[in-house]
Amino acid sequence: MAELVAGVDEAGRGPIAGPVVAAAVVLGAADVPGLADSKTLTEPRRDALAAEIRQRCVACAVACATVAEIEEVNVLGATFLAMRRAIELLSPPPSLVVVDGPHAIPDLRTPQRAVVGADASLPPVSAASILAKVERDRMMRELAEKYPEYGFERHKGYCTREHLAALREHGPCPAHRMSFSPVRAVLSSPEDLQRFIEESFGVP
């Protein structure tokens, strides 16, 4: 029986708002031309590849860790939580997991390898990178409908000048990660956030 290798990657560790999303993909013998690190692809190309991955793969799954879980166990711990959830949803289950990055997933029963740069070099991990990014972007668009004043549909929760200006004007919402420094700054005082903006981007 052929070994079922699952590629695993995440989207959303860096933002200051929104969940962390992980995907796990078993491509098997499927050939999906154009797979690459999701960050190097345009949004329309990611969407097209995501549909193709889902159609051709042996198995795939996407899972997330919430903002509350990020606050409880920190963003790395939440990333591992989302990854384990995605892997556990795979059917058939994989015999080997390859995860992007330097860290193995704690408490995973399946044999695994952590490979730096796997999202750009190993097709199952590239596929997972794409599915995770597409799903997280969809979730951020939903959050934008709920909290339209922040522009989540444009910056996807990342720490952009636009996002920080909205934080300064409106304060944080429940989608924000309160332990992250820009959000802590606005909770401390508008002056602290203004200093953060100026240090990061120059004077607005």
N, C-alpha and C. Protein backbone atom coordinates (compact mmCIF):
# COMPACT_ATOMS: atom_id res chain seq x y z
N MET A 1 0.84 -1.19 0.00
CA MET A 1 0.00 0.00 0.00
C MET A 1 0.88 1.24 0.00
N ALA A 2 0.57 2.21 -0.87
CA ALA A 2 1.39 3.41 -0.98
C ALA A 2 1.28 4.25 0.28
N GLU A 3 2.38 4.89 0.64
CA GLU A 3 2.40 5.76 1.79
C GLU A 3 1.55 6.99 1.51
N LEU A 4 0.69 7.36 2.46
CA LEU A 4 -0.15 8.54 2.32
C LEU A 4 0.51 9.70 3.07
N VAL A 5 1.09 10.62 2.31
CA VAL A 5 1.80 11.75 2.89
C VAL A 5 0.89 12.96 2.91
N ALA A 6 0.70 13.52 4.08
CA ALA A 6 -0.10 14.74 4.22
C ALA A 6 0.81 15.95 4.38
N GLY A 7 0.62 16.94 3.53
CA GLY A 7 1.27 18.22 3.73
C GLY A 7 0.43 19.09 4.63
N VAL A 8 1.07 19.81 5.53
CA VAL A 8 0.36 20.65 6.50
C VAL A 8 0.99 22.03 6.54
N ASP A 9 0.14 23.05 6.51
CA ASP A 9 0.60 24.43 6.64
C ASP A 9 -0.50 25.27 7.25
N GLU A 10 -0.14 26.48 7.64
CA GLU A 10 -1.09 27.39 8.28
C GLU A 10 -1.13 28.73 7.58
N ALA A 11 -2.17 29.49 7.90
CA ALA A 11 -2.27 30.89 7.50
C ALA A 11 -2.77 31.68 8.69
N GLY A 12 -2.14 32.83 8.93
CA GLY A 12 -2.67 33.71 9.96
C GLY A 12 -1.93 33.78 11.27
N ARG A 13 -0.67 33.36 11.30
CA ARG A 13 0.09 33.54 12.55
C ARG A 13 0.44 35.00 12.79
N GLY A 14 0.71 35.74 11.73
CA GLY A 14 1.21 37.09 11.89
C GLY A 14 0.19 38.19 12.16
N PRO A 15 -1.05 38.07 11.72
CA PRO A 15 -2.02 39.16 11.90
C PRO A 15 -2.30 39.49 13.36
N ILE A 16 -2.96 40.63 13.54
CA ILE A 16 -3.36 41.05 14.88
C ILE A 16 -4.86 40.86 15.09
N ALA A 17 -5.52 40.23 14.12
CA ALA A 17 -6.94 39.93 14.25
C ALA A 17 -7.26 38.66 13.47
N GLY A 18 -8.31 37.98 13.90
CA GLY A 18 -8.77 36.80 13.19
C GLY A 18 -8.13 35.51 13.67
N PRO A 19 -8.65 34.39 13.19
CA PRO A 19 -8.17 33.08 13.62
C PRO A 19 -6.88 32.67 12.92
N VAL A 20 -6.28 31.60 13.42
CA VAL A 20 -5.25 30.87 12.70
C VAL A 20 -5.94 29.70 12.00
N VAL A 21 -5.64 29.49 10.74
CA VAL A 21 -6.25 28.41 9.96
C VAL A 21 -5.15 27.48 9.46
N ALA A 22 -5.38 26.19 9.59
CA ALA A 22 -4.44 25.18 9.09
C ALA A 22 -5.16 24.26 8.11
N ALA A 23 -4.38 23.76 7.17
CA ALA A 23 -4.91 22.78 6.21
C ALA A 23 -3.97 21.59 6.15
N ALA A 24 -4.55 20.44 5.85
CA ALA A 24 -3.80 19.21 5.64
C ALA A 24 -4.28 18.61 4.32
N VAL A 25 -3.33 18.23 3.47
CA VAL A 25 -3.67 17.73 2.13
C VAL A 25 -2.87 16.48 1.82
N VAL A 26 -3.56 15.42 1.40
CA VAL A 26 -2.92 14.23 0.84
C VAL A 26 -3.17 14.27 -0.66
N LEU A 27 -2.12 14.54 -1.43
CA LEU A 27 -2.26 14.60 -2.88
C LEU A 27 -2.21 13.22 -3.52
N GLY A 28 -1.50 12.29 -2.92
CA GLY A 28 -1.30 10.99 -3.55
C GLY A 28 -0.60 11.17 -4.88
N ALA A 29 -1.14 10.54 -5.91
CA ALA A 29 -0.54 10.63 -7.24
C ALA A 29 -1.08 11.81 -8.05
N ALA A 30 -1.95 12.61 -7.44
CA ALA A 30 -2.55 13.72 -8.17
C ALA A 30 -1.50 14.75 -8.57
N ASP A 31 -1.62 15.23 -9.78
CA ASP A 31 -0.72 16.26 -10.29
C ASP A 31 -1.53 17.54 -10.47
N VAL A 32 -1.18 18.56 -9.70
CA VAL A 32 -1.86 19.86 -9.80
C VAL A 32 -0.83 20.89 -10.23
N PRO A 33 -0.75 21.20 -11.51
CA PRO A 33 0.26 22.15 -11.99
C PRO A 33 0.08 23.53 -11.36
N GLY A 34 1.21 24.18 -11.08
CA GLY A 34 1.17 25.54 -10.58
C GLY A 34 1.19 25.68 -9.08
N LEU A 35 1.30 24.57 -8.33
CA LEU A 35 1.36 24.66 -6.88
C LEU A 35 2.59 25.44 -6.44
N ALA A 36 2.40 26.31 -5.45
CA ALA A 36 3.49 27.13 -4.93
C ALA A 36 3.07 27.65 -3.56
N ASP A 37 4.00 28.26 -2.88
CA ASP A 37 3.68 28.94 -1.63
C ASP A 37 2.55 29.93 -1.89
N SER A 38 1.50 29.88 -1.10
CA SER A 38 0.32 30.71 -1.34
C SER A 38 0.65 32.20 -1.37
N LYS A 39 1.68 32.60 -0.63
CA LYS A 39 2.02 34.03 -0.57
C LYS A 39 2.53 34.55 -1.91
N THR A 40 2.97 33.67 -2.79
CA THR A 40 3.51 34.11 -4.08
C THR A 40 2.44 34.14 -5.17
N LEU A 41 1.20 33.76 -4.84
CA LEU A 41 0.15 33.64 -5.84
C LEU A 41 -0.88 34.76 -5.68
N THR A 42 -1.50 35.15 -6.77
CA THR A 42 -2.58 36.11 -6.71
C THR A 42 -3.82 35.45 -6.12
N GLU A 43 -4.74 36.26 -5.64
CA GLU A 43 -5.96 35.71 -5.05
C GLU A 43 -6.76 34.88 -6.06
N PRO A 44 -6.97 35.36 -7.30
CA PRO A 44 -7.71 34.52 -8.25
C PRO A 44 -7.01 33.18 -8.54
N ARG A 45 -5.68 33.21 -8.59
CA ARG A 45 -4.94 31.97 -8.85
C ARG A 45 -5.06 31.02 -7.66
N ARG A 46 -4.98 31.55 -6.45
CA ARG A 46 -5.16 30.70 -5.27
C ARG A 46 -6.54 30.06 -5.27
N ASP A 47 -7.56 30.85 -5.58
CA ASP A 47 -8.93 30.32 -5.58
C ASP A 47 -9.08 29.20 -6.61
N ALA A 48 -8.51 29.40 -7.79
CA ALA A 48 -8.61 28.38 -8.83
C ALA A 48 -7.87 27.11 -8.42
N LEU A 49 -6.68 27.27 -7.85
CA LEU A 49 -5.91 26.10 -7.42
C LEU A 49 -6.60 25.38 -6.26
N ALA A 50 -7.20 26.13 -5.36
CA ALA A 50 -7.89 25.50 -4.22
C ALA A 50 -9.00 24.59 -4.72
N ALA A 51 -9.75 25.05 -5.70
CA ALA A 51 -10.82 24.21 -6.26
C ALA A 51 -10.26 22.96 -6.91
N GLU A 52 -9.13 23.11 -7.60
CA GLU A 52 -8.52 21.97 -8.26
C GLU A 52 -7.95 20.98 -7.25
N ILE A 53 -7.33 21.51 -6.20
CA ILE A 53 -6.79 20.64 -5.14
C ILE A 53 -7.90 19.80 -4.52
N ARG A 54 -8.99 20.44 -4.18
CA ARG A 54 -10.11 19.73 -3.55
C ARG A 54 -10.67 18.65 -4.48
N GLN A 55 -10.66 18.92 -5.77
CA GLN A 55 -11.21 17.97 -6.74
C GLN A 55 -10.30 16.77 -6.94
N ARG A 56 -8.98 16.99 -6.94
CA ARG A 56 -8.04 15.94 -7.33
C ARG A 56 -7.39 15.19 -6.17
N CYS A 57 -7.37 15.77 -4.98
CA CYS A 57 -6.59 15.17 -3.89
C CYS A 57 -7.25 13.90 -3.37
N VAL A 58 -6.45 13.10 -2.68
CA VAL A 58 -6.95 11.91 -2.00
C VAL A 58 -7.79 12.32 -0.79
N ALA A 59 -7.31 13.32 -0.05
CA ALA A 59 -8.01 13.81 1.13
C ALA A 59 -7.51 15.20 1.46
N CYS A 60 -8.39 16.02 2.02
CA CYS A 60 -7.97 17.33 2.51
C CYS A 60 -8.90 17.76 3.64
N ALA A 61 -8.39 18.61 4.49
CA ALA A 61 -9.20 19.12 5.60
C ALA A 61 -8.64 20.46 6.03
N VAL A 62 -9.52 21.30 6.52
CA VAL A 62 -9.14 22.62 7.02
C VAL A 62 -9.74 22.80 8.40
N ALA A 63 -8.97 23.38 9.31
CA ALA A 63 -9.44 23.62 10.67
C ALA A 63 -8.84 24.92 11.17
N CYS A 64 -9.41 25.45 12.24
CA CYS A 64 -8.90 26.72 12.75
C CYS A 64 -8.76 26.68 14.26
N ALA A 65 -8.03 27.67 14.77
CA ALA A 65 -8.00 27.97 16.19
C ALA A 65 -8.50 29.39 16.35
N THR A 66 -9.37 29.60 17.29
CA THR A 66 -10.05 30.88 17.45
C THR A 66 -9.14 31.92 18.10
N VAL A 67 -9.61 33.16 18.06
CA VAL A 67 -8.90 34.24 18.75
C VAL A 67 -8.78 33.93 20.24
N ALA A 68 -9.85 33.41 20.84
CA ALA A 68 -9.79 33.06 22.26
C ALA A 68 -8.72 32.00 22.53
N GLU A 69 -8.59 31.04 21.63
CA GLU A 69 -7.56 30.00 21.81
C GLU A 69 -6.17 30.58 21.60
N ILE A 70 -6.03 31.51 20.66
CA ILE A 70 -4.73 32.18 20.49
C ILE A 70 -4.34 32.89 21.78
N GLU A 71 -5.30 33.57 22.41
CA GLU A 71 -5.02 34.28 23.66
C GLU A 71 -4.69 33.30 24.79
N GLU A 72 -5.30 32.14 24.76
CA GLU A 72 -5.12 31.17 25.86
C GLU A 72 -3.78 30.45 25.77
N VAL A 73 -3.38 30.02 24.56
CA VAL A 73 -2.20 29.16 24.45
C VAL A 73 -1.09 29.78 23.60
N ASN A 74 -1.21 31.02 23.22
CA ASN A 74 -0.33 31.80 22.35
C ASN A 74 -0.46 31.35 20.89
N VAL A 75 0.06 32.15 19.98
CA VAL A 75 -0.24 31.90 18.56
C VAL A 75 0.43 30.63 18.04
N LEU A 76 1.61 30.29 18.54
CA LEU A 76 2.25 29.05 18.10
C LEU A 76 1.46 27.85 18.60
N GLY A 77 1.06 27.88 19.87
CA GLY A 77 0.25 26.79 20.40
C GLY A 77 -1.06 26.66 19.66
N ALA A 78 -1.67 27.78 19.30
CA ALA A 78 -2.93 27.74 18.54
C ALA A 78 -2.70 27.19 17.14
N THR A 79 -1.56 27.51 16.55
CA THR A 79 -1.22 26.97 15.24
C THR A 79 -1.14 25.44 15.29
N PHE A 80 -0.46 24.92 16.29
CA PHE A 80 -0.37 23.46 16.44
C PHE A 80 -1.76 22.85 16.67
N LEU A 81 -2.59 23.54 17.43
CA LEU A 81 -3.94 23.06 17.69
C LEU A 81 -4.73 22.95 16.39
N ALA A 82 -4.66 23.99 15.56
CA ALA A 82 -5.37 23.96 14.27
C ALA A 82 -4.81 22.87 13.37
N MET A 83 -3.49 22.69 13.38
CA MET A 83 -2.88 21.65 12.55
C MET A 83 -3.33 20.26 12.97
N ARG A 84 -3.33 20.00 14.27
CA ARG A 84 -3.78 18.69 14.75
C ARG A 84 -5.23 18.44 14.37
N ARG A 85 -6.04 19.46 14.49
CA ARG A 85 -7.46 19.31 14.12
C ARG A 85 -7.61 18.96 12.64
N ALA A 86 -6.86 19.65 11.79
CA ALA A 86 -6.95 19.38 10.36
C ALA A 86 -6.51 17.95 10.05
N ILE A 87 -5.41 17.52 10.64
CA ILE A 87 -4.89 16.17 10.40
C ILE A 87 -5.90 15.13 10.86
N GLU A 88 -6.52 15.36 12.02
CA GLU A 88 -7.48 14.40 12.55
C GLU A 88 -8.73 14.27 11.68
N LEU A 89 -9.01 15.29 10.86
CA LEU A 89 -10.18 15.25 9.98
C LEU A 89 -9.93 14.49 8.68
N LEU A 90 -8.67 14.18 8.39
CA LEU A 90 -8.35 13.51 7.12
C LEU A 90 -8.89 12.09 7.09
N SER A 91 -9.48 11.76 5.97
CA SER A 91 -9.95 10.39 5.73
C SER A 91 -9.72 10.04 4.26
N PRO A 92 -8.84 9.04 4.02
CA PRO A 92 -8.15 8.17 4.96
C PRO A 92 -7.06 8.93 5.73
N PRO A 93 -6.68 8.44 6.90
CA PRO A 93 -5.63 9.10 7.68
C PRO A 93 -4.27 8.92 7.02
N PRO A 94 -3.38 9.89 7.19
CA PRO A 94 -2.05 9.79 6.58
C PRO A 94 -1.13 8.86 7.36
N SER A 95 -0.12 8.36 6.66
CA SER A 95 0.91 7.56 7.33
C SER A 95 2.13 8.41 7.67
N LEU A 96 2.22 9.61 7.07
CA LEU A 96 3.32 10.53 7.35
C LEU A 96 2.80 11.94 7.16
N VAL A 97 3.21 12.84 8.05
CA VAL A 97 2.86 14.26 7.96
C VAL A 97 4.13 15.05 7.72
N VAL A 98 4.08 15.94 6.73
CA VAL A 98 5.18 16.89 6.49
C VAL A 98 4.64 18.28 6.77
N VAL A 99 5.22 18.94 7.74
CA VAL A 99 4.74 20.25 8.17
C VAL A 99 5.74 21.32 7.76
N ASP A 100 5.22 22.45 7.28
CA ASP A 100 6.10 23.55 6.90
C ASP A 100 6.66 24.24 8.14
N GLY A 101 7.96 24.51 8.14
CA GLY A 101 8.57 25.25 9.22
C GLY A 101 9.54 24.42 10.04
N PRO A 102 10.13 25.03 11.07
CA PRO A 102 11.15 24.33 11.85
C PRO A 102 10.61 23.49 12.99
N HIS A 103 9.30 23.59 13.27
CA HIS A 103 8.77 22.96 14.47
C HIS A 103 7.88 21.76 14.14
N ALA A 104 8.15 20.63 14.79
CA ALA A 104 7.24 19.49 14.72
C ALA A 104 6.00 19.81 15.55
N ILE A 105 4.90 19.15 15.21
CA ILE A 105 3.64 19.38 15.91
C ILE A 105 3.64 18.54 17.19
N PRO A 106 3.53 19.15 18.35
CA PRO A 106 3.52 18.37 19.60
C PRO A 106 2.31 17.45 19.68
N ASP A 107 2.50 16.33 20.36
CA ASP A 107 1.41 15.40 20.69
C ASP A 107 0.72 14.84 19.45
N LEU A 108 1.45 14.70 18.37
CA LEU A 108 0.90 14.11 17.16
C LEU A 108 1.32 12.65 17.10
N ARG A 109 0.36 11.76 16.95
CA ARG A 109 0.69 10.32 16.94
C ARG A 109 1.26 9.87 15.61
N THR A 110 0.89 10.54 14.55
CA THR A 110 1.37 10.17 13.22
C THR A 110 2.84 10.57 13.05
N PRO A 111 3.68 9.74 12.45
CA PRO A 111 5.05 10.15 12.17
C PRO A 111 5.07 11.45 11.36
N GLN A 112 6.06 12.30 11.62
CA GLN A 112 6.08 13.60 10.95
C GLN A 112 7.49 14.07 10.70
N ARG A 113 7.59 15.01 9.74
CA ARG A 113 8.84 15.71 9.46
C ARG A 113 8.52 17.19 9.36
N ALA A 114 9.33 18.02 9.98
CA ALA A 114 9.22 19.47 9.85
C ALA A 114 10.28 19.93 8.85
N VAL A 115 9.86 20.63 7.81
CA VAL A 115 10.76 21.03 6.73
C VAL A 115 10.61 22.53 6.49
N VAL A 116 11.67 23.27 6.72
CA VAL A 116 11.65 24.72 6.45
C VAL A 116 11.54 24.95 4.95
N GLY A 117 10.62 25.81 4.55
CA GLY A 117 10.44 26.11 3.13
C GLY A 117 9.65 25.06 2.37
N ALA A 118 9.01 24.14 3.08
CA ALA A 118 8.26 23.08 2.40
C ALA A 118 7.09 23.63 1.59
N ASP A 119 6.54 24.78 2.02
CA ASP A 119 5.40 25.34 1.28
C ASP A 119 5.78 25.77 -0.13
N ALA A 120 7.06 25.99 -0.36
CA ALA A 120 7.52 26.40 -1.69
C ALA A 120 8.12 25.26 -2.49
N SER A 121 8.38 24.11 -1.84
CA SER A 121 9.14 23.06 -2.52
C SER A 121 8.46 21.70 -2.57
N LEU A 122 7.50 21.44 -1.70
CA LEU A 122 6.87 20.13 -1.64
C LEU A 122 5.39 20.28 -1.97
N PRO A 123 4.91 19.64 -3.05
CA PRO A 123 3.54 19.89 -3.52
C PRO A 123 2.44 19.70 -2.47
N PRO A 124 2.45 18.66 -1.63
CA PRO A 124 1.35 18.54 -0.66
C PRO A 124 1.32 19.70 0.33
N VAL A 125 2.50 20.22 0.68
CA VAL A 125 2.55 21.34 1.62
C VAL A 125 2.14 22.63 0.91
N SER A 126 2.56 22.80 -0.33
CA SER A 126 2.09 23.96 -1.11
C SER A 126 0.56 23.95 -1.20
N ALA A 127 0.01 22.77 -1.45
CA ALA A 127 -1.45 22.65 -1.54
C ALA A 127 -2.11 23.03 -0.21
N ALA A 128 -1.52 22.59 0.89
CA ALA A 128 -2.07 22.95 2.20
C ALA A 128 -1.96 24.45 2.45
N SER A 129 -0.85 25.03 2.02
CA SER A 129 -0.67 26.48 2.15
C SER A 129 -1.78 27.22 1.44
N ILE A 130 -2.12 26.77 0.25
CA ILE A 130 -3.16 27.43 -0.55
C ILE A 130 -4.54 27.28 0.09
N LEU A 131 -4.89 26.06 0.50
CA LEU A 131 -6.20 25.86 1.12
C LEU A 131 -6.35 26.67 2.41
N ALA A 132 -5.29 26.71 3.22
CA ALA A 132 -5.36 27.47 4.47
C ALA A 132 -5.55 28.96 4.20
N LYS A 133 -4.81 29.49 3.25
CA LYS A 133 -4.91 30.91 2.93
C LYS A 133 -6.28 31.26 2.36
N VAL A 134 -6.79 30.45 1.45
CA VAL A 134 -8.09 30.72 0.84
C VAL A 134 -9.19 30.69 1.90
N GLU A 135 -9.14 29.70 2.78
CA GLU A 135 -10.17 29.60 3.82
C GLU A 135 -10.08 30.76 4.81
N ARG A 136 -8.86 31.13 5.20
CA ARG A 136 -8.74 32.23 6.16
C ARG A 136 -9.21 33.55 5.53
N ASP A 137 -8.87 33.78 4.27
CA ASP A 137 -9.33 34.99 3.60
C ASP A 137 -10.86 35.04 3.57
N ARG A 138 -11.48 33.88 3.33
CA ARG A 138 -12.95 33.83 3.33
C ARG A 138 -13.50 34.20 4.71
N MET A 139 -12.87 33.69 5.76
CA MET A 139 -13.32 33.99 7.11
C MET A 139 -13.14 35.47 7.44
N MET A 140 -12.06 36.07 6.94
CA MET A 140 -11.84 37.49 7.21
C MET A 140 -12.85 38.36 6.45
N ARG A 141 -13.28 37.91 5.28
CA ARG A 141 -14.33 38.65 4.58
C ARG A 141 -15.64 38.59 5.36
N GLU A 142 -15.91 37.44 5.99
CA GLU A 142 -17.10 37.34 6.84
C GLU A 142 -16.99 38.27 8.04
N LEU A 143 -15.80 38.34 8.64
CA LEU A 143 -15.61 39.27 9.76
C LEU A 143 -15.78 40.72 9.31
N ALA A 144 -15.40 41.01 8.07
CA ALA A 144 -15.56 42.37 7.54
C ALA A 144 -17.03 42.76 7.45
N GLU A 145 -17.89 41.80 7.18
CA GLU A 145 -19.32 42.10 7.15
C GLU A 145 -19.85 42.40 8.55
N LYS A 146 -19.26 41.76 9.53
CA LYS A 146 -19.70 41.96 10.92
C LYS A 146 -19.10 43.23 11.52
N TYR A 147 -17.85 43.52 11.13
CA TYR A 147 -17.14 44.70 11.66
C TYR A 147 -16.60 45.51 10.49
N PRO A 148 -17.44 46.19 9.74
CA PRO A 148 -17.01 46.82 8.48
C PRO A 148 -16.03 47.97 8.66
N GLU A 149 -15.96 48.54 9.86
CA GLU A 149 -15.11 49.72 10.05
C GLU A 149 -13.61 49.41 10.01
N TYR A 150 -13.22 48.14 10.05
CA TYR A 150 -11.79 47.81 10.12
C TYR A 150 -11.16 47.47 8.78
N GLY A 151 -11.94 47.19 7.75
CA GLY A 151 -11.35 46.86 6.45
C GLY A 151 -10.73 45.48 6.39
N PHE A 152 -11.25 44.52 7.16
CA PHE A 152 -10.68 43.17 7.19
C PHE A 152 -10.63 42.52 5.81
N GLU A 153 -11.58 42.87 4.95
CA GLU A 153 -11.60 42.25 3.62
C GLU A 153 -10.40 42.66 2.78
N ARG A 154 -9.75 43.75 3.13
CA ARG A 154 -8.58 44.22 2.37
C ARG A 154 -7.26 43.73 2.99
N HIS A 155 -7.06 43.95 4.27
CA HIS A 155 -5.76 43.60 4.87
C HIS A 155 -5.76 42.27 5.59
N LYS A 156 -6.94 41.65 5.73
CA LYS A 156 -7.07 40.30 6.31
C LYS A 156 -6.56 40.22 7.76
N GLY A 157 -6.58 41.36 8.46
CA GLY A 157 -6.17 41.36 9.86
C GLY A 157 -4.71 41.64 10.09
N TYR A 158 -3.93 41.82 9.03
CA TYR A 158 -2.50 42.11 9.20
C TYR A 158 -2.30 43.55 9.68
N CYS A 159 -1.12 43.80 10.17
CA CYS A 159 -0.81 45.08 10.82
C CYS A 159 -0.41 46.12 9.78
N THR A 160 -1.38 46.61 9.03
CA THR A 160 -1.15 47.63 8.03
C THR A 160 -1.45 49.01 8.59
N ARG A 161 -1.02 50.03 7.87
CA ARG A 161 -1.32 51.40 8.29
C ARG A 161 -2.84 51.61 8.39
N GLU A 162 -3.57 51.11 7.38
CA GLU A 162 -5.03 51.24 7.39
C GLU A 162 -5.64 50.60 8.63
N HIS A 163 -5.17 49.40 8.94
CA HIS A 163 -5.72 48.67 10.08
C HIS A 163 -5.43 49.41 11.38
N LEU A 164 -4.21 49.89 11.53
CA LEU A 164 -3.85 50.60 12.76
C LEU A 164 -4.63 51.91 12.90
N ALA A 165 -4.87 52.58 11.78
CA ALA A 165 -5.66 53.81 11.84
C ALA A 165 -7.09 53.50 12.30
N ALA A 166 -7.65 52.38 11.81
CA ALA A 166 -8.99 51.98 12.25
C ALA A 166 -8.99 51.61 13.73
N LEU A 167 -7.95 50.94 14.18
CA LEU A 167 -7.83 50.62 15.61
C LEU A 167 -7.78 51.89 16.45
N ARG A 168 -7.03 52.87 15.98
CA ARG A 168 -6.91 54.13 16.71
C ARG A 168 -8.26 54.83 16.80
N GLU A 169 -9.04 54.76 15.71
CA GLU A 169 -10.32 55.46 15.67
C GLU A 169 -11.42 54.73 16.42
N HIS A 170 -11.46 53.40 16.28
CA HIS A 170 -12.60 52.65 16.80
C HIS A 170 -12.28 51.78 18.01
N GLY A 171 -10.98 51.60 18.32
CA GLY A 171 -10.64 50.64 19.35
C GLY A 171 -10.78 49.22 18.82
N PRO A 172 -10.37 48.22 19.60
CA PRO A 172 -10.44 46.83 19.13
C PRO A 172 -11.85 46.28 19.19
N CYS A 173 -12.08 45.24 18.38
CA CYS A 173 -13.34 44.50 18.39
C CYS A 173 -13.03 43.07 18.87
N PRO A 174 -14.05 42.24 19.05
CA PRO A 174 -13.79 40.87 19.54
C PRO A 174 -12.92 40.02 18.61
N ALA A 175 -12.76 40.43 17.35
CA ALA A 175 -11.90 39.67 16.43
C ALA A 175 -10.43 39.98 16.64
N HIS A 176 -10.10 41.00 17.41
CA HIS A 176 -8.70 41.36 17.60
C HIS A 176 -8.03 40.50 18.67
N ARG A 177 -6.75 40.28 18.49
CA ARG A 177 -5.94 39.51 19.43
C ARG A 177 -5.39 40.48 20.48
N MET A 178 -6.01 40.50 21.63
CA MET A 178 -5.74 41.53 22.62
C MET A 178 -4.32 41.49 23.18
N SER A 179 -3.66 40.34 23.10
CA SER A 179 -2.30 40.24 23.65
C SER A 179 -1.24 40.73 22.68
N PHE A 180 -1.60 41.02 21.42
CA PHE A 180 -0.62 41.47 20.43
C PHE A 180 -0.33 42.95 20.63
N SER A 181 0.93 43.34 20.44
CA SER A 181 1.40 44.65 20.89
C SER A 181 0.61 45.84 20.33
N PRO A 182 0.22 45.89 19.04
CA PRO A 182 -0.54 47.06 18.59
C PRO A 182 -1.90 47.17 19.27
N VAL A 183 -2.52 46.02 19.56
CA VAL A 183 -3.82 46.04 20.23
C VAL A 183 -3.63 46.42 21.70
N ARG A 184 -2.59 45.91 22.32
CA ARG A 184 -2.28 46.33 23.70
C ARG A 184 -2.04 47.82 23.76
N ALA A 185 -1.38 48.36 22.74
CA ALA A 185 -1.08 49.79 22.73
C ALA A 185 -2.35 50.63 22.72
N VAL A 186 -3.31 50.26 21.91
CA VAL A 186 -4.55 51.05 21.87
C VAL A 186 -5.35 50.88 23.14
N LEU A 187 -5.22 49.72 23.78
CA LEU A 187 -5.90 49.53 25.06
C LEU A 187 -5.24 50.36 26.16
N SER A 188 -3.91 50.59 26.02
CA SER A 188 -3.20 51.41 27.00
C SER A 188 -3.57 52.88 26.83
N SER A 189 -3.37 53.38 25.62
CA SER A 189 -3.72 54.77 25.33
C SER A 189 -3.59 55.02 23.84
N PRO A 190 -4.36 55.96 23.29
CA PRO A 190 -4.20 56.31 21.88
C PRO A 190 -2.79 56.80 21.56
N GLU A 191 -2.14 57.43 22.54
CA GLU A 191 -0.78 57.94 22.31
C GLU A 191 0.20 56.80 22.09
N ASP A 192 0.04 55.70 22.83
CA ASP A 192 0.91 54.54 22.64
C ASP A 192 0.74 53.96 21.24
N LEU A 193 -0.51 53.88 20.77
CA LEU A 193 -0.74 53.36 19.43
C LEU A 193 -0.17 54.31 18.38
N GLN A 194 -0.32 55.61 18.60
CA GLN A 194 0.24 56.58 17.64
C GLN A 194 1.75 56.41 17.53
N ARG A 195 2.42 56.21 18.66
CA ARG A 195 3.87 55.99 18.62
C ARG A 195 4.19 54.72 17.85
N PHE A 196 3.39 53.66 18.05
CA PHE A 196 3.61 52.40 17.32
C PHE A 196 3.47 52.63 15.82
N ILE A 197 2.44 53.37 15.40
CA ILE A 197 2.23 53.66 13.98
C ILE A 197 3.41 54.43 13.41
N GLU A 198 3.85 55.45 14.13
CA GLU A 198 4.96 56.28 13.63
C GLU A 198 6.25 55.47 13.53
N GLU A 199 6.51 54.59 14.51
CA GLU A 199 7.71 53.77 14.48
C GLU A 199 7.65 52.75 13.34
N SER A 200 6.46 52.24 13.05
CA SER A 200 6.31 51.20 12.05
C SER A 200 6.22 51.76 10.63
N PHE A 201 5.52 52.87 10.46
CA PHE A 201 5.21 53.36 9.11
C PHE A 201 5.61 54.81 8.87
N GLY A 202 6.09 55.50 9.88
CA GLY A 202 6.28 56.94 9.73
C GLY A 202 5.01 57.67 10.11
N VAL A 203 5.04 58.96 10.09
CA VAL A 203 3.88 59.76 10.48
C VAL A 203 2.78 59.59 9.46
N PRO A 204 1.56 59.21 9.89
CA PRO A 204 0.46 59.02 8.94
C PRO A 204 0.09 60.32 8.23
